[in-house]
PDB file of N, CA and C in Angstrom:
ATOM      1  N   MET A   1       0.788  -0.944  -0.179  1.00  0.00           N
ATOM      2  CA  MET A   1      -0.006   0.124  -0.089  1.00  0.00           C
ATOM      3  C   MET A   1       0.900   1.197   0.047  1.00  0.00           C
ATOM      4  N   GLU A   2       2.342   1.098   0.516  1.00  0.00           N
ATOM      5  CA  GLU A   2       2.966   2.236   0.911  1.00  0.00           C
ATOM      6  C   GLU A   2       3.424   2.655  -0.864  1.00  0.00           C
ATOM      7  N   LYS A   3       3.872   2.027  -1.662  1.00  0.00           N
ATOM      8  CA  LYS A   3       4.100   2.209  -3.027  1.00  0.00           C
ATOM      9  C   LYS A   3       2.974   2.825  -3.668  1.00  0.00           C
ATOM     10  N   LEU A   4       1.796   2.157  -3.530  1.00  0.00           N
ATOM     11  CA  LEU A   4       0.605   2.870  -4.316  1.00  0.00           C
ATOM     12  C   LEU A   4       0.435   4.092  -3.727  1.00  0.00           C
ATOM     13  N   MET A   5       0.584   4.668  -2.373  1.00  0.00           N
ATOM     14  CA  MET A   5       0.392   5.897  -2.050  1.00  0.00           C
ATOM     15  C   MET A   5       1.570   6.723  -2.717  1.00  0.00           C
ATOM     16  N   GLU A   6       2.580   6.377  -2.926  1.00  0.00           N
ATOM     17  CA  GLU A   6       3.597   7.379  -3.599  1.00  0.00           C
ATOM     18  C   GLU A   6       3.075   7.639  -5.010  1.00  0.00           C
ATOM     19  N   LEU A   7       3.049   6.676  -5.439  1.00  0.00           N
ATOM     20  CA  LEU A   7       2.385   6.632  -7.039  1.00  0.00           C
ATOM     21  C   LEU A   7       1.293   7.679  -7.141  1.00  0.00           C
ATOM     22  N   LEU A   8       0.298   7.522  -6.421  1.00  0.00           N
ATOM     23  CA  LEU A   8      -1.098   8.249  -6.520  1.00  0.00           C
ATOM     24  C   LEU A   8      -0.382   9.987  -5.932  1.00  0.00           C
ATOM     25  N   SER A   9       0.316   9.889  -4.883  1.00  0.00           N
ATOM     26  CA  SER A   9       0.770  11.419  -4.531  1.00  0.00           C
ATOM     27  C   SER A   9       1.722  11.972  -5.232  1.00  0.00           C
ATOM     28  N   GLU A  10       2.349  11.344  -6.453  1.00  0.00           N
ATOM     29  CA  GLU A  10       3.092  11.584  -7.584  1.00  0.00           C
ATOM     30  C   GLU A  10       2.297  12.561  -8.361  1.00  0.00           C
ATOM     31  N   LEU A  11       0.886  11.776  -8.629  1.00  0.00           N
ATOM     32  CA  LEU A  11      -0.101  12.144  -9.559  1.00  0.00           C
ATOM     33  C   LEU A  11      -0.684  13.587  -9.140  1.00  0.00           C
ATOM     34  N   HIS A  12      -0.816  13.868  -7.711  1.00  0.00           N
ATOM     35  CA  HIS A  12      -1.669  14.678  -7.028  1.00  0.00           C
ATOM     36  C   HIS A  12      -1.448  14.683  -5.668  1.00  0.00           C
ATOM     37  N   PRO A  13      -0.108  15.627  -5.377  1.00  0.00           N
ATOM     38  CA  PRO A  13       0.049  15.805  -3.996  1.00  0.00           C
ATOM     39  C   PRO A  13      -0.849  16.407  -3.240  1.00  0.00           C
ATOM     40  N   GLU A  14      -1.734  17.370  -3.628  1.00  0.00           N
ATOM     41  CA  GLU A  14      -2.739  17.946  -3.063  1.00  0.00           C
ATOM     42  C   GLU A  14      -4.042  17.194  -2.406  1.00  0.00           C
ATOM     43  N   VAL A  15      -4.058  15.680  -2.917  1.00  0.00           N
ATOM     44  CA  VAL A  15      -5.118  14.865  -2.744  1.00  0.00           C
ATOM     45  C   VAL A  15      -4.905  14.229  -1.194  1.00  0.00           C
ATOM     46  N   ASP A  16      -5.696  13.878  -0.269  1.00  0.00           N
ATOM     47  CA  ASP A  16      -5.397  12.963   0.948  1.00  0.00           C
ATOM     48  C   ASP A  16      -5.892  11.671   0.458  1.00  0.00           C
ATOM     49  N   PHE A  17      -5.278  11.010  -0.379  1.00  0.00           N
ATOM     50  CA  PHE A  17      -5.689   9.776  -0.824  1.00  0.00           C
ATOM     51  C   PHE A  17      -5.825   8.421   0.327  1.00  0.00           C
ATOM     52  N   ALA A  18      -5.571   8.798   1.271  1.00  0.00           N
ATOM     53  CA  ALA A  18      -5.767   8.036   2.512  1.00  0.00           C
ATOM     54  C   ALA A  18      -7.323   7.913   2.712  1.00  0.00           C
ATOM     55  N   SER A  19      -7.919   9.180   2.456  1.00  0.00           N
ATOM     56  CA  SER A  19      -9.327   9.403   3.251  1.00  0.00           C
ATOM     57  C   SER A  19     -10.563   9.590   2.015  1.00  0.00           C
ATOM     58  N   GLU A  20     -10.003   9.893   0.444  1.00  0.00           N
ATOM     59  CA  GLU A  20     -11.072   9.980  -0.286  1.00  0.00           C
ATOM     60  C   GLU A  20     -11.284   8.958  -1.140  1.00  0.00           C
ATOM     61  N   THR A  21     -12.330   8.813  -1.336  1.00  0.00           N
ATOM     62  CA  THR A  21     -13.378   7.478  -1.707  1.00  0.00           C
ATOM     63  C   THR A  21     -14.055   7.700  -3.170  1.00  0.00           C
ATOM     64  N   GLY A  22     -13.940   9.244  -3.736  1.00  0.00           N
ATOM     65  CA  GLY A  22     -14.517   9.476  -4.850  1.00  0.00           C
ATOM     66  C   GLY A  22     -13.546   9.840  -6.239  1.00  0.00           C
ATOM     67  N   LEU A  23     -12.541   9.235  -6.142  1.00  0.00           N
ATOM     68  CA  LEU A  23     -11.248   9.732  -7.136  1.00  0.00           C
ATOM     69  C   LEU A  23     -11.722   9.998  -8.465  1.00  0.00           C
ATOM     70  N   ILE A  24     -12.769   8.875  -8.847  1.00  0.00           N
ATOM     71  CA  ILE A  24     -13.113   9.089 -10.358  1.00  0.00           C
ATOM     72  C   ILE A  24     -14.596   9.693 -10.261  1.00  0.00           C
ATOM     73  N   ASP A  25     -15.313   9.775  -9.378  1.00  0.00           N
ATOM     74  CA  ASP A  25     -16.864  10.000  -9.174  1.00  0.00           C
ATOM     75  C   ASP A  25     -16.399  11.777  -8.891  1.00  0.00           C
ATOM     76  N   LYS A  26     -15.601  12.064  -7.981  1.00  0.00           N
ATOM     77  CA  LYS A  26     -15.620  13.616  -8.017  1.00  0.00           C
ATOM     78  C   LYS A  26     -14.348  14.462  -9.179  1.00  0.00           C
ATOM     79  N   LYS A  27     -13.851  13.670 -10.269  1.00  0.00           N
ATOM     80  CA  LYS A  27     -13.678  13.911 -11.337  1.00  0.00           C
ATOM     81  C   LYS A  27     -11.839  14.354 -10.958  1.00  0.00           C
ATOM     82  N   ILE A  28     -11.390  13.707  -9.522  1.00  0.00           N
ATOM     83  CA  ILE A  28      -9.974  14.114  -8.986  1.00  0.00           C
ATOM     84  C   ILE A  28      -9.012  13.532  -9.806  1.00  0.00           C
ATOM     85  N   LEU A  29      -9.371  12.350 -10.292  1.00  0.00           N
ATOM     86  CA  LEU A  29      -8.196  11.588 -11.348  1.00  0.00           C
ATOM     87  C   LEU A  29      -8.941  11.712 -12.578  1.00  0.00           C
ATOM     88  N   THR A  30      -8.286  11.944 -13.806  1.00  0.00           N
ATOM     89  CA  THR A  30      -8.766  12.205 -14.976  1.00  0.00           C
ATOM     90  C   THR A  30      -8.156  10.811 -15.671  1.00  0.00           C
ATOM     91  N   SER A  31      -8.666  10.908 -17.159  1.00  0.00           N
ATOM     92  CA  SER A  31      -8.694   9.260 -17.690  1.00  0.00           C
ATOM     93  C   SER A  31      -7.396   9.423 -17.948  1.00  0.00           C
ATOM     94  N   PHE A  32      -6.394  10.645 -18.312  1.00  0.00           N
ATOM     95  CA  PHE A  32      -5.383  10.488 -18.338  1.00  0.00           C
ATOM     96  C   PHE A  32      -4.408  10.269 -17.224  1.00  0.00           C
ATOM     97  N   ASP A  33      -4.669  10.582 -15.850  1.00  0.00           N
ATOM     98  CA  ASP A  33      -4.144  10.109 -14.912  1.00  0.00           C
ATOM     99  C   ASP A  33      -4.513   8.538 -14.558  1.00  0.00           C
ATOM    100  N   VAL A  34      -5.474   7.902 -14.786  1.00  0.00           N
ATOM    101  CA  VAL A  34      -5.699   6.611 -14.599  1.00  0.00           C
ATOM    102  C   VAL A  34      -5.210   6.104 -15.874  1.00  0.00           C
ATOM    103  N   VAL A  35      -4.745   6.204 -17.101  1.00  0.00           N
ATOM    104  CA  VAL A  35      -4.016   5.885 -18.099  1.00  0.00           C
ATOM    105  C   VAL A  35      -2.304   5.605 -17.515  1.00  0.00           C
ATOM    106  N   ASN A  36      -1.928   6.321 -17.020  1.00  0.00           N
ATOM    107  CA  ASN A  36      -0.657   6.805 -16.594  1.00  0.00           C
ATOM    108  C   ASN A  36      -0.556   6.062 -15.053  1.00  0.00           C
ATOM    109  N   LEU A  37      -1.387   5.905 -14.358  1.00  0.00           N
ATOM    110  CA  LEU A  37      -1.197   5.161 -13.213  1.00  0.00           C
ATOM    111  C   LEU A  37      -1.212   3.498 -13.422  1.00  0.00           C
ATOM    112  N   VAL A  38      -2.145   3.254 -14.295  1.00  0.00           N
ATOM    113  CA  VAL A  38      -2.143   1.847 -14.836  1.00  0.00           C
ATOM    114  C   VAL A  38      -1.272   1.338 -15.452  1.00  0.00           C
ATOM    115  N   GLY A  39      -0.097   2.134 -16.096  1.00  0.00           N
ATOM    116  CA  GLY A  39       1.175   1.875 -16.479  1.00  0.00           C
ATOM    117  C   GLY A  39       2.129   1.720 -15.732  1.00  0.00           C
ATOM    118  N   GLU A  40       2.001   2.331 -14.504  1.00  0.00           N
ATOM    119  CA  GLU A  40       2.972   2.710 -13.346  1.00  0.00           C
ATOM    120  C   GLU A  40       2.605   1.168 -12.635  1.00  0.00           C
ATOM    121  N   LEU A  41       1.296   0.749 -12.173  1.00  0.00           N
ATOM    122  CA  LEU A  41       0.766  -0.348 -11.290  1.00  0.00           C
ATOM    123  C   LEU A  41       1.292  -1.658 -12.459  1.00  0.00           C
ATOM    124  N   MET A  42       1.134  -1.533 -13.304  1.00  0.00           N
ATOM    125  CA  MET A  42       1.530  -2.841 -14.247  1.00  0.00           C
ATOM    126  C   MET A  42       3.237  -3.131 -13.936  1.00  0.00           C
ATOM    127  N   ASP A  43       3.693  -2.080 -13.965  1.00  0.00           N
ATOM    128  CA  ASP A  43       5.271  -2.032 -13.777  1.00  0.00           C
ATOM    129  C   ASP A  43       5.803  -2.705 -12.395  1.00  0.00           C
ATOM    130  N   GLU A  44       5.117  -1.854 -11.631  1.00  0.00           N
ATOM    131  CA  GLU A  44       5.556  -1.819 -10.081  1.00  0.00           C
ATOM    132  C   GLU A  44       5.291  -3.179  -9.599  1.00  0.00           C
ATOM    133  N   TYR A  45       3.782  -3.609  -9.886  1.00  0.00           N
ATOM    134  CA  TYR A  45       3.218  -4.809  -9.140  1.00  0.00           C
ATOM    135  C   TYR A  45       3.345  -5.856 -10.211  1.00  0.00           C
ATOM    136  N   ASP A  46       4.049  -5.807 -11.398  1.00  0.00           N
ATOM    137  CA  ASP A  46       4.042  -6.907 -12.361  1.00  0.00           C
ATOM    138  C   ASP A  46       2.625  -7.530 -12.497  1.00  0.00           C
ATOM    139  N   ILE A  47       1.655  -6.924 -12.624  1.00  0.00           N
ATOM    140  CA  ILE A  47       0.109  -7.398 -13.310  1.00  0.00           C
ATOM    141  C   ILE A  47      -0.152  -6.915 -14.208  1.00  0.00           C
ATOM    142  N   GLU A  48      -1.337  -7.569 -14.874  1.00  0.00           N
ATOM    143  CA  GLU A  48      -1.873  -7.170 -16.056  1.00  0.00           C
ATOM    144  C   GLU A  48      -3.344  -6.383 -16.033  1.00  0.00           C
ATOM    145  N   ILE A  49      -3.302  -5.050 -16.468  1.00  0.00           N
ATOM    146  CA  ILE A  49      -5.067  -4.456 -16.375  1.00  0.00           C
ATOM    147  C   ILE A  49      -5.596  -4.109 -17.282  1.00  0.00           C
ATOM    148  N   ASN A  50      -6.397  -5.052 -17.550  1.00  0.00           N
ATOM    149  CA  ASN A  50      -7.059  -5.083 -19.046  1.00  0.00           C
ATOM    150  C   ASN A  50      -8.197  -3.995 -18.929  1.00  0.00           C
ATOM    151  N   ALA A  51      -8.928  -3.730 -20.110  1.00  0.00           N
ATOM    152  CA  ALA A  51      -9.945  -2.747 -20.313  1.00  0.00           C
ATOM    153  C   ALA A  51     -11.001  -3.014 -19.151  1.00  0.00           C
ATOM    154  N   GLU A  52     -11.355  -4.535 -18.699  1.00  0.00           N
ATOM    155  CA  GLU A  52     -12.394  -4.829 -18.067  1.00  0.00           C
ATOM    156  C   GLU A  52     -12.297  -4.347 -16.342  1.00  0.00           C
ATOM    157  N   HIS A  53     -11.018  -4.224 -16.634  1.00  0.00           N
ATOM    158  CA  HIS A  53     -10.742  -3.695 -14.787  1.00  0.00           C
ATOM    159  C   HIS A  53     -10.936  -2.192 -14.626  1.00  0.00           C
ATOM    160  N   LEU A  54     -10.966  -1.509 -15.832  1.00  0.00           N
ATOM    161  CA  LEU A  54     -10.977  -0.109 -16.156  1.00  0.00           C
ATOM    162  C   LEU A  54     -12.369   0.457 -15.711  1.00  0.00           C
ATOM    163  N   ILE A  55     -12.788   0.141 -14.627  1.00  0.00           N
ATOM    164  CA  ILE A  55     -14.398   0.639 -14.034  1.00  0.00           C
ATOM    165  C   ILE A  55     -14.351   1.466 -12.980  1.00  0.00           C
ATOM    166  N   PRO A  56     -15.015   2.445 -12.480  1.00  0.00           N
ATOM    167  CA  PRO A  56     -14.627   3.454 -11.677  1.00  0.00           C
ATOM    168  C   PRO A  56     -14.540   2.789  -9.992  1.00  0.00           C
ATOM    169  N   GLU A  57     -15.551   1.633 -10.035  1.00  0.00           N
ATOM    170  CA  GLU A  57     -15.334   1.331  -8.518  1.00  0.00           C
ATOM    171  C   GLU A  57     -14.011   0.632  -8.300  1.00  0.00           C
ATOM    172  N   ASN A  58     -13.128   0.575  -9.294  1.00  0.00           N
ATOM    173  CA  ASN A  58     -11.784  -0.099  -9.006  1.00  0.00           C
ATOM    174  C   ASN A  58     -10.748   1.190  -8.893  1.00  0.00           C
ATOM    175  N   PHE A  59     -11.235   2.455  -8.917  1.00  0.00           N
ATOM    176  CA  PHE A  59     -10.379   3.523  -8.992  1.00  0.00           C
ATOM    177  C   PHE A  59     -10.764   4.781  -8.197  1.00  0.00           C
ATOM    178  N   ASN A  60     -12.185   4.260  -7.242  1.00  0.00           N
ATOM    179  CA  ASN A  60     -12.694   5.697  -6.773  1.00  0.00           C
ATOM    180  C   ASN A  60     -11.675   5.796  -5.475  1.00  0.00           C
ATOM    181  N   SER A  61     -11.002   4.887  -4.892  1.00  0.00           N
ATOM    182  CA  SER A  61     -10.125   5.312  -3.546  1.00  0.00           C
ATOM    183  C   SER A  61      -8.970   4.133  -3.814  1.00  0.00           C
ATOM    184  N   ALA A  62      -7.779   4.566  -2.924  1.00  0.00           N
ATOM    185  CA  ALA A  62      -6.794   4.140  -2.851  1.00  0.00           C
ATOM    186  C   ALA A  62      -7.155   2.557  -2.302  1.00  0.00           C
ATOM    187  N   GLN A  63      -7.733   2.420  -1.465  1.00  0.00           N
ATOM    188  CA  GLN A  63      -8.122   0.828  -1.300  1.00  0.00           C
ATOM    189  C   GLN A  63      -8.643   0.159  -1.989  1.00  0.00           C
ATOM    190  N   ALA A  64      -9.665   0.646  -2.924  1.00  0.00           N
ATOM    191  CA  ALA A  64      -9.878  -0.194  -3.993  1.00  0.00           C
ATOM    192  C   ALA A  64      -8.814  -0.413  -5.280  1.00  0.00           C
ATOM    193  N   ILE A  65      -8.200   0.928  -5.253  1.00  0.00           N
ATOM    194  CA  ILE A  65      -6.850   0.275  -6.221  1.00  0.00           C
ATOM    195  C   ILE A  65      -5.934  -0.844  -5.611  1.00  0.00           C
ATOM    196  N   PHE A  66      -5.886  -0.775  -4.288  1.00  0.00           N
ATOM    197  CA  PHE A  66      -5.003  -1.531  -3.598  1.00  0.00           C
ATOM    198  C   PHE A  66      -5.797  -3.191  -3.595  1.00  0.00           C
ATOM    199  N   ASP A  67      -7.036  -3.093  -3.608  1.00  0.00           N
ATOM    200  CA  ASP A  67      -8.117  -4.310  -3.795  1.00  0.00           C
ATOM    201  C   ASP A  67      -7.548  -5.038  -5.222  1.00  0.00           C
ATOM    202  N   LEU A  68      -7.764  -4.254  -6.086  1.00  0.00           N
ATOM    203  CA  LEU A  68      -7.410  -4.565  -7.357  1.00  0.00           C
ATOM    204  C   LEU A  68      -6.289  -5.079  -7.727  1.00  0.00           C
ATOM    205  N   ILE A  69      -5.231  -4.509  -6.912  1.00  0.00           N
ATOM    206  CA  ILE A  69      -3.555  -5.035  -7.331  1.00  0.00           C
ATOM    207  C   ILE A  69      -3.823  -6.495  -6.616  1.00  0.00           C
ATOM    208  N   THR A  70      -4.054  -6.578  -5.612  1.00  0.00           N
ATOM    209  CA  THR A  70      -4.001  -7.723  -4.549  1.00  0.00           C
ATOM    210  C   THR A  70      -5.074  -8.931  -5.296  1.00  0.00           C
ATOM    211  N   ARG A  71      -6.257  -8.657  -5.990  1.00  0.00           N
ATOM    212  CA  ARG A  71      -6.779  -9.525  -6.925  1.00  0.00           C
ATOM    213  C   ARG A  71      -6.153 -10.101  -7.825  1.00  0.00           C
ATOM    214  N   LEU A  72      -5.430  -9.389  -8.698  1.00  0.00           N
ATOM    215  CA  LEU A  72      -4.601  -9.319  -9.785  1.00  0.00           C
ATOM    216  C   LEU A  72      -3.468 -10.308  -9.535  1.00  0.00           C
ATOM    217  N   GLU A  73      -2.700  -9.573  -8.432  1.00  0.00           N
ATOM    218  CA  GLU A  73      -1.371 -10.641  -8.132  1.00  0.00           C
ATOM    219  C   GLU A  73      -1.958 -11.946  -7.759  1.00  0.00           C
ATOM    220  N   GLU A  74      -3.057 -12.299  -7.153  1.00  0.00           N
ATOM    221  CA  GLU A  74      -3.440 -13.551  -6.997  1.00  0.00           C
ATOM    222  C   GLU A  74      -3.837 -14.387  -7.952  1.00  0.00           C
ATOM    223  N   GLU A  75      -4.376 -13.807  -9.245  1.00  0.00           N
ATOM    224  CA  GLU A  75      -4.605 -14.624 -10.448  1.00  0.00           C
ATOM    225  C   GLU A  75      -3.372 -15.394 -11.162  1.00  0.00           C
TER     226      GLU A  75
END
């Protein structure tokens, strides 16, 4: 989770990712941010994030993103 928080903070240092639960719904993360983040996550965690995973529920909070990473690592 620590590395994920670092990656998110690099995108938007002004956001409190520990408590924010509407990253997509509130348009805090743009589609460009998500594309960049997905690339970083795939490199960092050696996972494959496909189009089917690119839904708001998977990116609305740091915890949701971490849960996605965990699920993909287990596959």
